[in-house]
Amino acid sequence: MSTPVLQLFDLRGRTALVTGGSRGLGLQIAEALGEAGARVLVTARKAGELEQAAAHLAARGVDAQWVAADASRPEEIARVAQEAMQRLGRIDILVNNAGATWGAPAEDHPLEAWDKVMNLNVRSVFLMSQAVAKASMIPRRDGRIVNVASIAGLSGSGPEMKFIAYGTSKGAVVNFTRTLAGEWGRYGITVNALAPGFFPSRMTRGTLEAVGADELAARAPLGRLGDDDDLKGAALLFASPAGKHITGQILAIDGGASAVHGQ
């Protein structure tokens, strides 16, 4: 017998850890998972922003907790995984959203900034996935990992973007997702990635100001930027029973920009 469709998207009884969950795309994803019934633990660097995020989620009926940590530090990642296990009992869903960007021409890009972007956008995704899988998903032979990549990781970009470190890091996340899906399918773990286009956020503010919101919107067939709802459905698909036979996939949520421009 098949399962009723709404039941396939029901996350009641499930738990989720969302990194970079205090604002922006991470908070949007935490909303989606929580509103579908998951108990949610969000993490980011700043306690004040996390408190606000948890209050925001609670106002929407979400069972939300938070823990402050710097995901660029391996010891902090280990602590988050340990605290998540203590508070939630297990981790069914991991959303690797924490990230950073840095705008500079490739010829002048500081090494320190390159390392900052790579450590947070790539190394932390590997370490958090490893920690959570070993603590909860592999022993139970079940889990959902959702990485947040970017359309910047699907192709190159022009000189106005100055995306050399960010684009490289997100390209790494794309193939990390595919490779990890290949390795961990035997444990019943699915690994997929969302590749957002341009969404107004603190991280994209510089690009929006430099290129212009109207210009960026015009590059997408739908003629618009992403909004506060546009990641929710895709995130829920990857995290829920509805996506149990999907792994190693990269889904662009970009108004069609990558379909017509390659980015």
C-alpha atoms as a PDB file:
ATOM      1  CA  MET A   1       0.000   0.000   0.000  1.00  0.00           C
ATOM      2  CA  SER A   2       1.268   3.460  -0.852  1.00  0.00           C
ATOM      3  CA  THR A   3       1.637   6.195   1.757  1.00  0.00           C
ATOM      4  CA  PRO A   4      -0.699   9.216   1.730  1.00  0.00           C
ATOM      5  CA  VAL A   5       1.232  12.087   0.176  1.00  0.00           C
ATOM      6  CA  LEU A   6       1.012  14.523   3.082  1.00  0.00           C
ATOM      7  CA  GLN A   7       2.285  11.812   5.413  1.00  0.00           C
ATOM      8  CA  LEU A   8       5.412  11.559   3.261  1.00  0.00           C
ATOM      9  CA  PHE A   9       6.286  15.154   4.196  1.00  0.00           C
ATOM     10  CA  ASP A  10       5.474  14.736   7.900  1.00  0.00           C
ATOM     11  CA  LEU A  11       8.542  15.134  10.161  1.00  0.00           C
ATOM     12  CA  ARG A  12       6.822  14.607  13.500  1.00  0.00           C
ATOM     13  CA  GLY A  13       9.056  12.492  15.729  1.00  0.00           C
ATOM     14  CA  ARG A  14      12.174  13.491  13.763  1.00  0.00           C
ATOM     15  CA  THR A  15      15.056  15.738  14.847  1.00  0.00           C
ATOM     16  CA  ALA A  16      17.120  18.220  12.868  1.00  0.00           C
ATOM     17  CA  LEU A  17      20.409  20.064  13.375  1.00  0.00           C
ATOM     18  CA  VAL A  18      20.781  23.203  11.237  1.00  0.00           C
ATOM     19  CA  THR A  19      24.119  25.012  11.077  1.00  0.00           C
ATOM     20  CA  GLY A  20      24.098  28.701  10.275  1.00  0.00           C
ATOM     21  CA  GLY A  21      20.486  28.577  11.436  1.00  0.00           C
ATOM     22  CA  SER A  22      20.183  31.943  13.156  1.00  0.00           C
ATOM     23  CA  ARG A  23      19.168  33.945  10.072  1.00  0.00           C
ATOM     24  CA  GLY A  24      18.797  33.959   6.307  1.00  0.00           C
ATOM     25  CA  LEU A  25      18.562  30.701   4.406  1.00  0.00           C
ATOM     26  CA  GLY A  26      19.393  28.566   7.431  1.00  0.00           C
ATOM     27  CA  LEU A  27      16.536  30.027   9.430  1.00  0.00           C
ATOM     28  CA  GLN A  28      14.181  29.550   6.482  1.00  0.00           C
ATOM     29  CA  ILE A  29      15.134  25.860   6.315  1.00  0.00           C
ATOM     30  CA  ALA A  30      14.766  25.493  10.089  1.00  0.00           C
ATOM     31  CA  GLU A  31      11.261  26.959   9.769  1.00  0.00           C
ATOM     32  CA  ALA A  32      10.344  24.436   7.100  1.00  0.00           C
ATOM     33  CA  LEU A  33      11.587  21.433   9.056  1.00  0.00           C
ATOM     34  CA  GLY A  34      10.088  22.642  12.321  1.00  0.00           C
ATOM     35  CA  GLU A  35       6.711  23.484  10.827  1.00  0.00           C
ATOM     36  CA  ALA A  36       6.633  19.968   9.346  1.00  0.00           C
ATOM     37  CA  GLY A  37       6.984  18.630  12.898  1.00  0.00           C
ATOM     38  CA  ALA A  38      10.713  18.156  13.511  1.00  0.00           C
ATOM     39  CA  ARG A  39      12.391  19.153  16.742  1.00  0.00           C
ATOM     40  CA  VAL A  40      15.094  21.613  15.680  1.00  0.00           C
ATOM     41  CA  LEU A  41      18.475  22.625  17.088  1.00  0.00           C
ATOM     42  CA  VAL A  42      20.032  25.631  15.369  1.00  0.00           C
ATOM     43  CA  THR A  43      23.653  26.639  15.719  1.00  0.00           C
ATOM     44  CA  ALA A  44      25.698  29.690  14.695  1.00  0.00           C
ATOM     45  CA  ARG A  45      28.397  31.882  16.225  1.00  0.00           C
ATOM     46  CA  LYS A  46      26.333  34.615  17.893  1.00  0.00           C
ATOM     47  CA  ALA A  47      24.194  33.749  20.907  1.00  0.00           C
ATOM     48  CA  GLY A  48      22.052  36.871  20.598  1.00  0.00           C
ATOM     49  CA  GLU A  49      21.015  36.055  17.029  1.00  0.00           C
ATOM     50  CA  LEU A  50      20.339  32.441  18.012  1.00  0.00           C
ATOM     51  CA  GLU A  51      18.088  33.540  20.865  1.00  0.00           C
ATOM     52  CA  GLN A  52      16.105  35.674  18.443  1.00  0.00           C
ATOM     53  CA  ALA A  53      15.908  32.810  15.958  1.00  0.00           C
ATOM     54  CA  ALA A  54      14.673  30.363  18.593  1.00  0.00           C
ATOM     55  CA  ALA A  55      12.032  32.846  19.724  1.00  0.00           C
ATOM     56  CA  HIS A  56      10.975  33.369  16.107  1.00  0.00           C
ATOM     57  CA  LEU A  57      10.670  29.613  15.577  1.00  0.00           C
ATOM     58  CA  ALA A  58       8.805  29.110  18.842  1.00  0.00           C
ATOM     59  CA  ALA A  59       6.289  31.772  17.795  1.00  0.00           C
ATOM     60  CA  ARG A  60       5.590  29.629  14.736  1.00  0.00           C
ATOM     61  CA  GLY A  61       4.960  26.572  16.893  1.00  0.00           C
ATOM     62  CA  VAL A  62       8.369  25.002  16.366  1.00  0.00           C
ATOM     63  CA  ASP A  63      10.146  23.049  19.117  1.00  0.00           C
ATOM     64  CA  ALA A  64      13.484  24.869  18.794  1.00  0.00           C
ATOM     65  CA  GLN A  65      16.715  24.952  20.785  1.00  0.00           C
ATOM     66  CA  TRP A  66      20.067  26.570  20.037  1.00  0.00           C
ATOM     67  CA  VAL A  67      23.775  26.261  20.757  1.00  0.00           C
ATOM     68  CA  ALA A  68      26.415  28.875  19.939  1.00  0.00           C
ATOM     69  CA  ALA A  69      29.578  27.601  18.247  1.00  0.00           C
ATOM     70  CA  ASP A  70      32.138  28.518  15.615  1.00  0.00           C
ATOM     71  CA  ALA A  71      31.789  25.923  12.854  1.00  0.00           C
ATOM     72  CA  SER A  72      35.229  26.785  11.468  1.00  0.00           C
ATOM     73  CA  ARG A  73      36.836  25.173  14.545  1.00  0.00           C
ATOM     74  CA  PRO A  74      36.952  21.362  14.660  1.00  0.00           C
ATOM     75  CA  GLU A  75      36.636  21.202  18.432  1.00  0.00           C
ATOM     76  CA  GLU A  76      33.474  23.314  18.274  1.00  0.00           C
ATOM     77  CA  ILE A  77      31.961  21.002  15.677  1.00  0.00           C
ATOM     78  CA  ALA A  78      32.583  18.037  17.951  1.00  0.00           C
ATOM     79  CA  ARG A  79      30.914  19.904  20.825  1.00  0.00           C
ATOM     80  CA  VAL A  80      27.851  20.744  18.728  1.00  0.00           C
ATOM     81  CA  ALA A  81      27.406  17.127  17.669  1.00  0.00           C
ATOM     82  CA  GLN A  82      27.742  15.974  21.271  1.00  0.00           C
ATOM     83  CA  GLU A  83      25.267  18.566  22.568  1.00  0.00           C
ATOM     84  CA  ALA A  84      22.808  17.769  19.799  1.00  0.00           C
ATOM     85  CA  MET A  85      22.872  14.107  20.770  1.00  0.00           C
ATOM     86  CA  GLN A  86      22.375  14.980  24.440  1.00  0.00           C
ATOM     87  CA  ARG A  87      19.485  17.347  23.790  1.00  0.00           C
ATOM     88  CA  LEU A  88      17.722  15.578  20.928  1.00  0.00           C
ATOM     89  CA  GLY A  89      18.624  11.950  21.645  1.00  0.00           C
ATOM     90  CA  ARG A  90      19.553  11.377  18.015  1.00  0.00           C
ATOM     91  CA  ILE A  91      20.051  13.417  14.829  1.00  0.00           C
ATOM     92  CA  ASP A  92      17.827  12.384  11.946  1.00  0.00           C
ATOM     93  CA  ILE A  93      18.473  15.383   9.685  1.00  0.00           C
ATOM     94  CA  LEU A  94      21.627  17.471   9.294  1.00  0.00           C
ATOM     95  CA  VAL A  95      21.518  20.722   7.330  1.00  0.00           C
ATOM     96  CA  ASN A  96      24.997  22.055   6.564  1.00  0.00           C
ATOM     97  CA  ASN A  97      24.242  25.712   5.879  1.00  0.00           C
ATOM     98  CA  ALA A  98      26.946  27.681   7.726  1.00  0.00           C
ATOM     99  CA  GLY A  99      29.073  29.574   5.241  1.00  0.00           C
ATOM    100  CA  ALA A 100      31.056  32.687   4.438  1.00  0.00           C
ATOM    101  CA  THR A 101      32.014  34.686   1.386  1.00  0.00           C
ATOM    102  CA  TRP A 102      34.728  37.173   0.498  1.00  0.00           C
ATOM    103  CA  GLY A 103      34.759  39.545  -2.443  1.00  0.00           C
ATOM    104  CA  ALA A 104      38.161  40.212  -4.022  1.00  0.00           C
ATOM    105  CA  PRO A 105      39.735  39.841  -7.476  1.00  0.00           C
ATOM    106  CA  ALA A 106      41.536  36.518  -7.841  1.00  0.00           C
ATOM    107  CA  GLU A 107      44.907  38.214  -8.333  1.00  0.00           C
ATOM    108  CA  ASP A 108      44.573  40.104  -5.032  1.00  0.00           C
ATOM    109  CA  HIS A 109      42.585  37.631  -2.945  1.00  0.00           C
ATOM    110  CA  PRO A 110      44.148  37.386   0.546  1.00  0.00           C
ATOM    111  CA  LEU A 111      45.290  33.939   1.606  1.00  0.00           C
ATOM    112  CA  GLU A 112      43.771  34.438   5.049  1.00  0.00           C
ATOM    113  CA  ALA A 113      40.386  35.142   3.463  1.00  0.00           C
ATOM    114  CA  TRP A 114      40.734  32.116   1.166  1.00  0.00           C
ATOM    115  CA  ASP A 115      41.384  29.897   4.181  1.00  0.00           C
ATOM    116  CA  LYS A 116      38.453  31.398   6.098  1.00  0.00           C
ATOM    117  CA  VAL A 117      36.033  30.633   3.270  1.00  0.00           C
ATOM    118  CA  MET A 118      37.387  27.131   2.674  1.00  0.00           C
ATOM    119  CA  ASN A 119      37.458  26.213   6.353  1.00  0.00           C
ATOM    120  CA  LEU A 120      33.835  27.193   6.928  1.00  0.00           C
ATOM    121  CA  ASN A 121      32.300  26.301   3.570  1.00  0.00           C
ATOM    122  CA  VAL A 122      34.099  22.999   2.945  1.00  0.00           C
ATOM    123  CA  ARG A 123      36.045  21.648   5.904  1.00  0.00           C
ATOM    124  CA  SER A 124      33.239  22.263   8.407  1.00  0.00           C
ATOM    125  CA  VAL A 125      30.725  20.509   6.144  1.00  0.00           C
ATOM    126  CA  PHE A 126      32.974  17.441   6.064  1.00  0.00           C
ATOM    127  CA  LEU A 127      33.663  17.481   9.799  1.00  0.00           C
ATOM    128  CA  MET A 128      30.042  18.067  10.825  1.00  0.00           C
ATOM    129  CA  SER A 129      28.792  15.353   8.494  1.00  0.00           C
ATOM    130  CA  GLN A 130      31.409  12.951   9.826  1.00  0.00           C
ATOM    131  CA  ALA A 131      30.654  13.740  13.475  1.00  0.00           C
ATOM    132  CA  VAL A 132      26.892  13.465  13.126  1.00  0.00           C
ATOM    133  CA  ALA A 133      27.012  10.324  11.003  1.00  0.00           C
ATOM    134  CA  LYS A 134      29.310   8.507  13.435  1.00  0.00           C
ATOM    135  CA  ALA A 135      27.306   9.617  16.472  1.00  0.00           C
ATOM    136  CA  SER A 136      23.814   8.908  15.176  1.00  0.00           C
ATOM    137  CA  MET A 137      23.190   8.088  11.520  1.00  0.00           C
ATOM    138  CA  ILE A 138      25.576   5.226  10.789  1.00  0.00           C
ATOM    139  CA  PRO A 139      24.719   3.232  13.951  1.00  0.00           C
ATOM    140  CA  ARG A 140      20.995   3.543  13.154  1.00  0.00           C
ATOM    141  CA  ARG A 141      21.540   3.107   9.395  1.00  0.00           C
ATOM    142  CA  ASP A 142      19.292   6.059   8.642  1.00  0.00           C
ATOM    143  CA  GLY A 143      19.740   9.771   8.069  1.00  0.00           C
ATOM    144  CA  ARG A 144      19.264  12.772   5.830  1.00  0.00           C
ATOM    145  CA  ILE A 145      22.066  15.226   5.069  1.00  0.00           C
ATOM    146  CA  VAL A 146      21.185  18.414   3.209  1.00  0.00           C
ATOM    147  CA  ASN A 147      24.088  20.620   2.165  1.00  0.00           C
ATOM    148  CA  VAL A 148      23.611  24.208   1.055  1.00  0.00           C
ATOM    149  CA  ALA A 149      25.723  24.790  -2.041  1.00  0.00           C
ATOM    150  CA  SER A 150      25.074  27.634  -4.498  1.00  0.00           C
ATOM    151  CA  ILE A 151      24.658  28.219  -8.201  1.00  0.00           C
ATOM    152  CA  ALA A 152      28.119  29.812  -7.838  1.00  0.00           C
ATOM    153  CA  GLY A 153      29.363  26.222  -7.514  1.00  0.00           C
ATOM    154  CA  LEU A 154      27.748  25.097 -10.773  1.00  0.00           C
ATOM    155  CA  SER A 155      29.815  27.252 -13.143  1.00  0.00           C
ATOM    156  CA  GLY A 156      32.297  30.090 -13.272  1.00  0.00           C
ATOM    157  CA  SER A 157      31.394  33.771 -13.017  1.00  0.00           C
ATOM    158  CA  GLY A 158      32.319  37.077 -14.566  1.00  0.00           C
ATOM    159  CA  PRO A 159      34.700  39.680 -13.125  1.00  0.00           C
ATOM    160  CA  GLU A 160      31.921  41.650 -11.448  1.00  0.00           C
ATOM    161  CA  MET A 161      31.229  38.805  -8.998  1.00  0.00           C
ATOM    162  CA  LYS A 162      34.739  38.364  -7.513  1.00  0.00           C
ATOM    163  CA  PHE A 163      33.710  34.880  -6.370  1.00  0.00           C
ATOM    164  CA  ILE A 164      36.967  32.925  -6.671  1.00  0.00           C
ATOM    165  CA  ALA A 165      37.028  31.502  -3.134  1.00  0.00           C
ATOM    166  CA  TYR A 166      33.274  31.272  -2.668  1.00  0.00           C
ATOM    167  CA  GLY A 167      32.639  29.683  -6.071  1.00  0.00           C
ATOM    168  CA  THR A 168      35.472  27.212  -5.565  1.00  0.00           C
ATOM    169  CA  SER A 169      34.177  26.251  -2.134  1.00  0.00           C
ATOM    170  CA  LYS A 170      30.634  25.710  -3.363  1.00  0.00           C
ATOM    171  CA  GLY A 171      31.897  23.659  -6.292  1.00  0.00           C
ATOM    172  CA  ALA A 172      33.614  21.496  -3.688  1.00  0.00           C
ATOM    173  CA  VAL A 173      30.343  21.151  -1.772  1.00  0.00           C
ATOM    174  CA  VAL A 174      28.639  19.966  -4.962  1.00  0.00           C
ATOM    175  CA  ASN A 175      31.070  17.104  -5.531  1.00  0.00           C
ATOM    176  CA  PHE A 176      31.380  16.385  -1.803  1.00  0.00           C
ATOM    177  CA  THR A 177      27.620  15.806  -1.858  1.00  0.00           C
ATOM    178  CA  ARG A 178      27.811  13.394  -4.765  1.00  0.00           C
ATOM    179  CA  THR A 179      30.791  11.496  -3.400  1.00  0.00           C
ATOM    180  CA  LEU A 180      29.421  11.183   0.131  1.00  0.00           C
ATOM    181  CA  ALA A 181      26.094   9.963  -1.247  1.00  0.00           C
ATOM    182  CA  GLY A 182      28.000   7.229  -3.049  1.00  0.00           C
ATOM    183  CA  GLU A 183      29.830   6.159   0.087  1.00  0.00           C
ATOM    184  CA  TRP A 184      27.040   6.376   2.653  1.00  0.00           C
ATOM    185  CA  GLY A 185      24.118   4.954   0.714  1.00  0.00           C
ATOM    186  CA  ARG A 186      24.968   1.590   2.257  1.00  0.00           C
ATOM    187  CA  TYR A 187      24.140   3.089   5.659  1.00  0.00           C
ATOM    188  CA  GLY A 188      20.718   4.297   4.566  1.00  0.00           C
ATOM    189  CA  ILE A 189      21.897   7.932   4.567  1.00  0.00           C
ATOM    190  CA  THR A 190      20.828  10.233   1.759  1.00  0.00           C
ATOM    191  CA  VAL A 191      23.049  13.215   0.907  1.00  0.00           C
ATOM    192  CA  ASN A 192      21.731  16.005  -1.303  1.00  0.00           C
ATOM    193  CA  ALA A 193      22.387  19.689  -1.844  1.00  0.00           C
ATOM    194  CA  LEU A 194      20.366  22.811  -2.454  1.00  0.00           C
ATOM    195  CA  ALA A 195      21.962  25.322  -4.823  1.00  0.00           C
ATOM    196  CA  PRO A 196      20.261  28.665  -4.211  1.00  0.00           C
ATOM    197  CA  GLY A 197      20.483  31.511  -6.658  1.00  0.00           C
ATOM    198  CA  PHE A 198      20.336  35.075  -5.393  1.00  0.00           C
ATOM    199  CA  PHE A 199      18.322  35.581  -2.227  1.00  0.00           C
ATOM    200  CA  PRO A 200      18.496  38.911  -0.389  1.00  0.00           C
ATOM    201  CA  SER A 201      20.613  38.267   2.713  1.00  0.00           C
ATOM    202  CA  ARG A 202      23.501  39.662   4.688  1.00  0.00           C
ATOM    203  CA  MET A 203      25.899  37.463   2.719  1.00  0.00           C
ATOM    204  CA  THR A 204      24.655  38.621  -0.690  1.00  0.00           C
ATOM    205  CA  ARG A 205      24.307  42.290   0.210  1.00  0.00           C
ATOM    206  CA  GLY A 206      27.620  43.277  -1.399  1.00  0.00           C
ATOM    207  CA  THR A 207      26.796  41.577  -4.700  1.00  0.00           C
ATOM    208  CA  LEU A 208      23.287  42.992  -4.741  1.00  0.00           C
ATOM    209  CA  GLU A 209      24.678  46.479  -4.220  1.00  0.00           C
ATOM    210  CA  ALA A 210      27.464  46.057  -6.796  1.00  0.00           C
ATOM    211  CA  VAL A 211      25.435  44.429  -9.575  1.00  0.00           C
ATOM    212  CA  GLY A 212      21.915  45.550  -8.664  1.00  0.00           C
ATOM    213  CA  ALA A 213      18.901  43.559  -7.575  1.00  0.00           C
ATOM    214  CA  ASP A 214      17.024  44.312 -10.802  1.00  0.00           C
ATOM    215  CA  GLU A 215      19.953  43.159 -12.950  1.00  0.00           C
ATOM    216  CA  LEU A 216      20.333  39.921 -10.989  1.00  0.00           C
ATOM    217  CA  ALA A 217      16.598  39.263 -11.133  1.00  0.00           C
ATOM    218  CA  ALA A 218      16.580  39.883 -14.879  1.00  0.00           C
ATOM    219  CA  ARG A 219      19.135  37.072 -15.392  1.00  0.00           C
ATOM    220  CA  ALA A 220      16.567  34.509 -14.237  1.00  0.00           C
ATOM    221  CA  PRO A 221      13.744  33.409 -16.548  1.00  0.00           C
ATOM    222  CA  LEU A 222      11.267  33.979 -13.715  1.00  0.00           C
ATOM    223  CA  GLY A 223      12.568  37.543 -13.381  1.00  0.00           C
ATOM    224  CA  ARG A 224      12.815  37.570  -9.597  1.00  0.00           C
ATOM    225  CA  LEU A 225      15.109  36.907  -6.659  1.00  0.00           C
ATOM    226  CA  GLY A 226      14.437  34.216  -4.095  1.00  0.00           C
ATOM    227  CA  ASP A 227      12.218  35.011  -1.125  1.00  0.00           C
ATOM    228  CA  ASP A 228      11.516  33.754   2.399  1.00  0.00           C
ATOM    229  CA  ASP A 229       9.585  30.690   1.180  1.00  0.00           C
ATOM    230  CA  ASP A 230      11.515  29.494  -1.844  1.00  0.00           C
ATOM    231  CA  LEU A 231      13.850  26.986  -0.148  1.00  0.00           C
ATOM    232  CA  LYS A 232      11.245  25.410   2.086  1.00  0.00           C
ATOM    233  CA  GLY A 233       9.714  22.881  -0.282  1.00  0.00           C
ATOM    234  CA  ALA A 234      13.029  21.617  -1.635  1.00  0.00           C
ATOM    235  CA  ALA A 235      14.535  21.320   1.848  1.00  0.00           C
ATOM    236  CA  LEU A 236      11.512  19.415   3.096  1.00  0.00           C
ATOM    237  CA  LEU A 237      11.656  17.053   0.121  1.00  0.00           C
ATOM    238  CA  PHE A 238      15.274  16.129   0.812  1.00  0.00           C
ATOM    239  CA  ALA A 239      14.722  15.819   4.582  1.00  0.00           C
ATOM    240  CA  SER A 240      11.487  13.847   4.597  1.00  0.00           C
ATOM    241  CA  PRO A 241      10.332  10.328   3.679  1.00  0.00           C
ATOM    242  CA  ALA A 242       9.201  11.806   0.356  1.00  0.00           C
ATOM    243  CA  GLY A 243      12.883  11.984  -0.626  1.00  0.00           C
ATOM    244  CA  LYS A 244      13.966   8.554   0.582  1.00  0.00           C
ATOM    245  CA  HIS A 245      14.984   7.437  -2.939  1.00  0.00           C
ATOM    246  CA  ILE A 246      16.827  10.673  -3.828  1.00  0.00           C
ATOM    247  CA  THR A 247      20.537  10.951  -3.094  1.00  0.00           C
ATOM    248  CA  GLY A 248      23.590  12.590  -4.621  1.00  0.00           C
ATOM    249  CA  GLN A 249      21.476  15.289  -6.258  1.00  0.00           C
ATOM    250  CA  ILE A 250      21.979  19.041  -6.568  1.00  0.00           C
ATOM    251  CA  LEU A 251      18.792  21.099  -6.898  1.00  0.00           C
ATOM    252  CA  ALA A 252      19.106  24.693  -8.086  1.00  0.00           C
ATOM    253  CA  ILE A 253      16.527  27.066  -6.634  1.00  0.00           C
ATOM    254  CA  ASP A 254      17.358  30.080  -8.765  1.00  0.00           C
ATOM    255  CA  GLY A 255      14.398  31.097 -10.892  1.00  0.00           C
ATOM    256  CA  GLY A 256      15.919  29.204 -13.812  1.00  0.00           C
ATOM    257  CA  ALA A 257      19.141  31.239 -14.013  1.00  0.00           C
ATOM    258  CA  SER A 258      21.423  28.206 -14.152  1.00  0.00           C
ATOM    259  CA  ALA A 259      19.306  26.627 -16.893  1.00  0.00           C
ATOM    260  CA  VAL A 260      19.875  29.475 -19.325  1.00  0.00           C
ATOM    261  CA  HIS A 261      23.174  30.999 -18.256  1.00  0.00           C
ATOM    262  CA  GLY A 262      25.078  28.056 -16.797  1.00  0.00           C
ATOM    263  CA  GLN A 263      25.023  29.949 -13.492  1.00  0.00           C
END
